[in-house]
Amino acid sequence: MPGPSGLRVVLAEDSVLLRDGLTGLLARFGHEVVAAVGDSGALRDAVAGLAPDVVVTDVRMPPGFQDEGLRAAINLRRAHPRLPILVLSQYVETRYATELLDAGDGTHVGYLLKDRIGHVTEFVDALRRVVDGGTVVDPEVVRQLLRRRRDPLARLTPREREVLALVAEGRSNLAIAAELTVTEASVAKHIRSILHKLGLPPDDETHRRVLAVLTFLRC
Protein backbone atom coordinates (compact mmCIF):
# COMPACT_ATOMS: atom_id res chain seq x y z
CA MET A 1 0.00 0.00 0.00
CA PRO A 2 1.22 3.56 -0.67
CA GLY A 3 2.22 5.79 2.20
CA PRO A 4 0.08 8.67 3.51
CA SER A 5 1.22 10.90 0.63
CA GLY A 6 1.61 8.07 -1.87
CA LEU A 7 -0.33 8.02 -5.12
CA ARG A 8 -2.39 5.26 -6.70
CA VAL A 9 -1.18 5.11 -10.29
CA VAL A 10 -2.57 3.44 -13.40
CA LEU A 11 0.33 2.89 -15.81
CA ALA A 12 -0.15 2.21 -19.53
CA GLU A 13 3.00 1.19 -21.42
CA ASP A 14 3.35 -1.58 -24.00
CA SER A 15 7.04 -2.28 -23.24
CA VAL A 16 7.15 -4.82 -20.42
CA LEU A 17 10.67 -3.74 -19.40
CA LEU A 18 9.75 -0.07 -19.13
CA ARG A 19 6.47 -0.90 -17.44
CA ASP A 20 8.26 -2.94 -14.77
CA GLY A 21 10.96 -0.29 -14.42
CA LEU A 22 8.43 2.49 -13.86
CA THR A 23 6.49 0.36 -11.40
CA GLY A 24 9.64 -0.17 -9.33
CA LEU A 25 10.70 3.47 -9.61
CA LEU A 26 7.34 4.76 -8.39
CA ALA A 27 7.35 2.25 -5.52
CA ARG A 28 10.72 3.64 -4.37
CA PHE A 29 9.02 7.00 -3.90
CA GLY A 30 6.09 5.58 -1.97
CA HIS A 31 3.59 5.35 -4.83
CA GLU A 32 1.60 2.26 -5.83
CA VAL A 33 0.95 1.16 -9.40
CA VAL A 34 -2.53 -0.33 -8.97
CA ALA A 35 -2.66 -1.44 -12.62
CA ALA A 36 0.07 -1.78 -15.25
CA VAL A 37 -1.46 -2.36 -18.66
CA GLY A 38 -0.24 -2.65 -22.24
CA ASP A 39 -2.99 -1.19 -24.42
CA SER A 40 -5.49 1.65 -24.51
CA GLY A 41 -8.55 -0.55 -23.96
CA ALA A 42 -7.09 -1.96 -20.76
CA LEU A 43 -6.20 1.60 -19.69
CA ARG A 44 -9.81 2.73 -19.99
CA ASP A 45 -11.03 -0.32 -18.07
CA ALA A 46 -8.46 0.18 -15.29
CA VAL A 47 -9.42 3.82 -14.79
CA ALA A 48 -13.12 2.93 -14.71
CA GLY A 49 -12.60 0.13 -12.21
CA LEU A 50 -9.92 1.56 -9.94
CA ALA A 51 -10.42 5.36 -9.84
CA PRO A 52 -6.66 6.10 -9.58
CA ASP A 53 -5.08 9.32 -8.34
CA VAL A 54 -3.15 9.70 -11.60
CA VAL A 55 -2.66 8.06 -14.99
CA VAL A 56 0.73 7.68 -16.69
CA THR A 57 0.48 6.59 -20.32
CA ASP A 58 2.63 6.24 -23.41
CA VAL A 59 1.47 8.01 -26.58
CA ARG A 60 1.91 5.00 -28.88
CA MET A 61 0.08 1.83 -27.95
CA PRO A 62 -1.19 -1.37 -29.62
CA PRO A 63 -2.66 -2.23 -32.02
CA GLY A 64 -1.47 0.48 -34.42
CA PHE A 65 1.37 2.01 -32.39
CA GLN A 66 0.36 5.47 -33.59
CA ASP A 67 -1.35 7.69 -31.03
CA GLU A 68 -3.72 5.23 -29.32
CA GLY A 69 -2.46 6.11 -25.85
CA LEU A 70 -2.87 9.83 -26.50
CA ARG A 71 -6.41 9.31 -27.84
CA ALA A 72 -7.29 7.29 -24.73
CA ALA A 73 -5.84 10.05 -22.53
CA ILE A 74 -7.85 12.72 -24.36
CA ASN A 75 -11.06 10.70 -24.02
CA LEU A 76 -10.37 10.18 -20.32
CA ARG A 77 -9.79 13.93 -19.90
CA ARG A 78 -13.10 14.69 -21.58
CA ALA A 79 -14.93 12.18 -19.39
CA HIS A 80 -13.03 13.12 -16.20
CA PRO A 81 -11.66 16.69 -16.63
CA ARG A 82 -9.99 16.67 -13.20
CA LEU A 83 -8.27 13.29 -13.63
CA PRO A 84 -4.50 13.92 -13.50
CA ILE A 85 -2.79 12.47 -16.58
CA LEU A 86 0.90 12.43 -17.47
CA VAL A 87 1.59 11.41 -21.09
CA LEU A 88 5.00 10.08 -22.14
CA SER A 89 6.34 10.32 -25.68
CA GLN A 90 9.43 8.97 -27.41
CA TYR A 91 9.65 11.98 -29.73
CA VAL A 92 8.83 15.68 -29.61
CA GLU A 93 5.33 16.18 -31.00
CA THR A 94 4.06 19.66 -30.14
CA ARG A 95 0.67 18.79 -31.66
CA TYR A 96 0.22 16.04 -29.07
CA ALA A 97 0.91 18.43 -26.19
CA THR A 98 -1.56 20.95 -27.58
CA GLU A 99 -4.32 18.38 -28.12
CA LEU A 100 -3.85 17.02 -24.61
CA LEU A 101 -4.12 20.42 -22.97
CA ASP A 102 -7.12 21.34 -25.11
CA ALA A 103 -9.02 18.29 -23.79
CA GLY A 104 -10.21 19.71 -20.48
CA ASP A 105 -9.35 22.90 -18.64
CA GLY A 106 -5.57 22.57 -19.05
CA THR A 107 -4.91 21.70 -15.41
CA HIS A 108 -3.81 18.34 -13.93
CA VAL A 109 -1.99 17.40 -17.12
CA GLY A 110 1.56 16.83 -18.31
CA TYR A 111 3.45 15.88 -21.45
CA LEU A 112 7.01 14.59 -21.05
CA LEU A 113 9.57 12.89 -23.25
CA LYS A 114 10.55 9.41 -22.12
CA ASP A 115 14.13 10.60 -21.74
CA ARG A 116 12.90 12.60 -18.74
CA ILE A 117 12.31 9.34 -16.84
CA GLY A 118 16.08 9.02 -16.56
CA HIS A 119 16.04 12.20 -14.47
CA VAL A 120 14.21 10.38 -11.69
CA THR A 121 13.53 13.27 -9.32
CA GLU A 122 12.36 15.49 -12.22
CA PHE A 123 9.95 12.80 -13.37
CA VAL A 124 8.50 12.15 -9.92
CA ASP A 125 8.28 15.89 -9.23
CA ALA A 126 6.40 16.37 -12.52
CA LEU A 127 3.97 13.62 -11.53
CA ARG A 128 3.27 15.34 -8.22
CA ARG A 129 2.80 18.73 -9.88
CA VAL A 130 0.23 17.24 -12.27
CA VAL A 131 -1.66 15.67 -9.37
CA ASP A 132 -1.60 19.00 -7.52
CA GLY A 133 -3.30 20.71 -10.45
CA GLY A 134 -0.31 21.89 -12.43
CA THR A 135 0.44 21.88 -16.14
CA VAL A 136 3.79 20.36 -17.11
CA VAL A 137 5.31 20.47 -20.60
CA ASP A 138 8.69 18.91 -21.38
CA PRO A 139 11.50 21.50 -21.60
CA GLU A 140 12.53 20.20 -25.05
CA VAL A 141 9.02 20.82 -26.38
CA VAL A 142 9.20 24.31 -24.90
CA ARG A 143 12.56 24.98 -26.58
CA GLN A 144 11.25 23.95 -29.99
CA LEU A 145 8.19 26.13 -29.59
CA LEU A 146 10.29 29.12 -28.59
CA ARG A 147 12.20 28.93 -31.87
CA ARG A 148 8.99 29.64 -33.81
CA ARG A 149 8.42 33.09 -32.25
CA ARG A 150 5.22 33.85 -34.14
CA ASP A 151 2.49 36.28 -33.02
CA PRO A 152 1.18 36.81 -30.40
CA LEU A 153 4.47 35.88 -28.69
CA ALA A 154 6.29 38.46 -30.82
CA ARG A 155 4.85 41.11 -28.52
CA LEU A 156 6.74 39.67 -25.56
CA THR A 157 10.22 40.77 -24.53
CA PRO A 158 13.00 38.15 -24.48
CA ARG A 159 12.77 38.00 -20.67
CA GLU A 160 8.99 37.57 -20.82
CA ARG A 161 9.41 34.68 -23.28
CA GLU A 162 11.88 33.10 -20.85
CA VAL A 163 9.38 33.42 -18.03
CA LEU A 164 6.51 32.04 -20.14
CA ALA A 165 8.65 29.06 -21.18
CA LEU A 166 9.28 28.24 -17.51
CA VAL A 167 5.57 28.65 -16.72
CA ALA A 168 4.89 26.13 -19.51
CA GLU A 169 7.26 23.69 -17.80
CA GLY A 170 5.06 23.91 -14.71
CA ARG A 171 7.43 26.01 -12.59
CA SER A 172 6.13 28.10 -9.69
CA ASN A 173 6.98 31.80 -9.39
CA LEU A 174 9.53 30.92 -6.70
CA ALA A 175 11.21 28.30 -8.90
CA ILE A 176 11.28 30.70 -11.86
CA ALA A 177 12.88 33.38 -9.69
CA ALA A 178 15.59 30.94 -8.61
CA GLU A 179 16.22 29.82 -12.21
CA LEU A 180 16.56 33.38 -13.53
CA THR A 181 18.26 34.79 -10.41
CA VAL A 182 15.64 37.50 -9.92
CA THR A 183 13.14 38.27 -7.18
CA GLU A 184 9.77 36.57 -6.95
CA ALA A 185 8.15 40.00 -7.21
CA SER A 186 9.97 40.56 -10.50
CA VAL A 187 8.62 37.26 -11.83
CA ALA A 188 5.09 38.20 -10.79
CA LYS A 189 5.47 41.52 -12.63
CA HIS A 190 6.65 39.75 -15.80
CA ILE A 191 3.71 37.34 -15.62
CA ARG A 192 1.21 40.19 -15.25
CA SER A 193 2.75 41.82 -18.31
CA ILE A 194 2.62 38.54 -20.28
CA LEU A 195 -1.04 37.99 -19.44
CA HIS A 196 -1.87 41.56 -20.43
CA LYS A 197 0.01 41.37 -23.75
CA LEU A 198 -1.62 38.06 -24.63
CA GLY A 199 -5.02 39.65 -24.04
CA LEU A 200 -6.14 37.06 -21.54
CA PRO A 201 -9.40 37.76 -19.70
CA PRO A 202 -9.34 38.80 -16.05
CA ASP A 203 -9.79 35.61 -14.04
CA ASP A 204 -8.06 33.71 -11.27
CA GLU A 205 -4.30 33.50 -11.82
CA THR A 206 -4.18 29.71 -12.14
CA HIS A 207 -6.68 29.76 -15.00
CA ARG A 208 -4.89 32.61 -16.74
CA ARG A 209 -1.53 30.83 -16.45
CA VAL A 210 -3.06 27.78 -18.15
CA LEU A 211 -4.46 29.99 -20.92
CA ALA A 212 -1.00 31.52 -21.35
CA VAL A 213 0.54 28.06 -21.73
CA LEU A 214 -2.13 27.11 -24.30
CA THR A 215 -1.40 30.29 -26.25
CA PHE A 216 2.30 29.41 -26.11
CA LEU A 217 1.67 25.88 -27.43
CA ARG A 218 -0.57 27.02 -30.27
CA CYS A 219 1.84 29.62 -31.66
Foldseek 3Di string as FASTA:
>chain_A
DFDPPAWAEAEEAQDPVVLVVVQVLSVVVRYHDPHYYQALVVSVVCCVVPVTLEYEYEQAGPDVRDRRRLVSLLVVCLVPVLHAYEYEYQDQDLVSLLSNCVSHLNWLYEYEYPVCVVVVVLVVVVNVLSSVTFYAYYLVNLVVLVVVCDPPNVVADPVLSLLLSVLNRRDDLVRSCVVVVHDSVVSVVSVVVLLVSNVPDDDDPRSSSSVSSSVSSVD
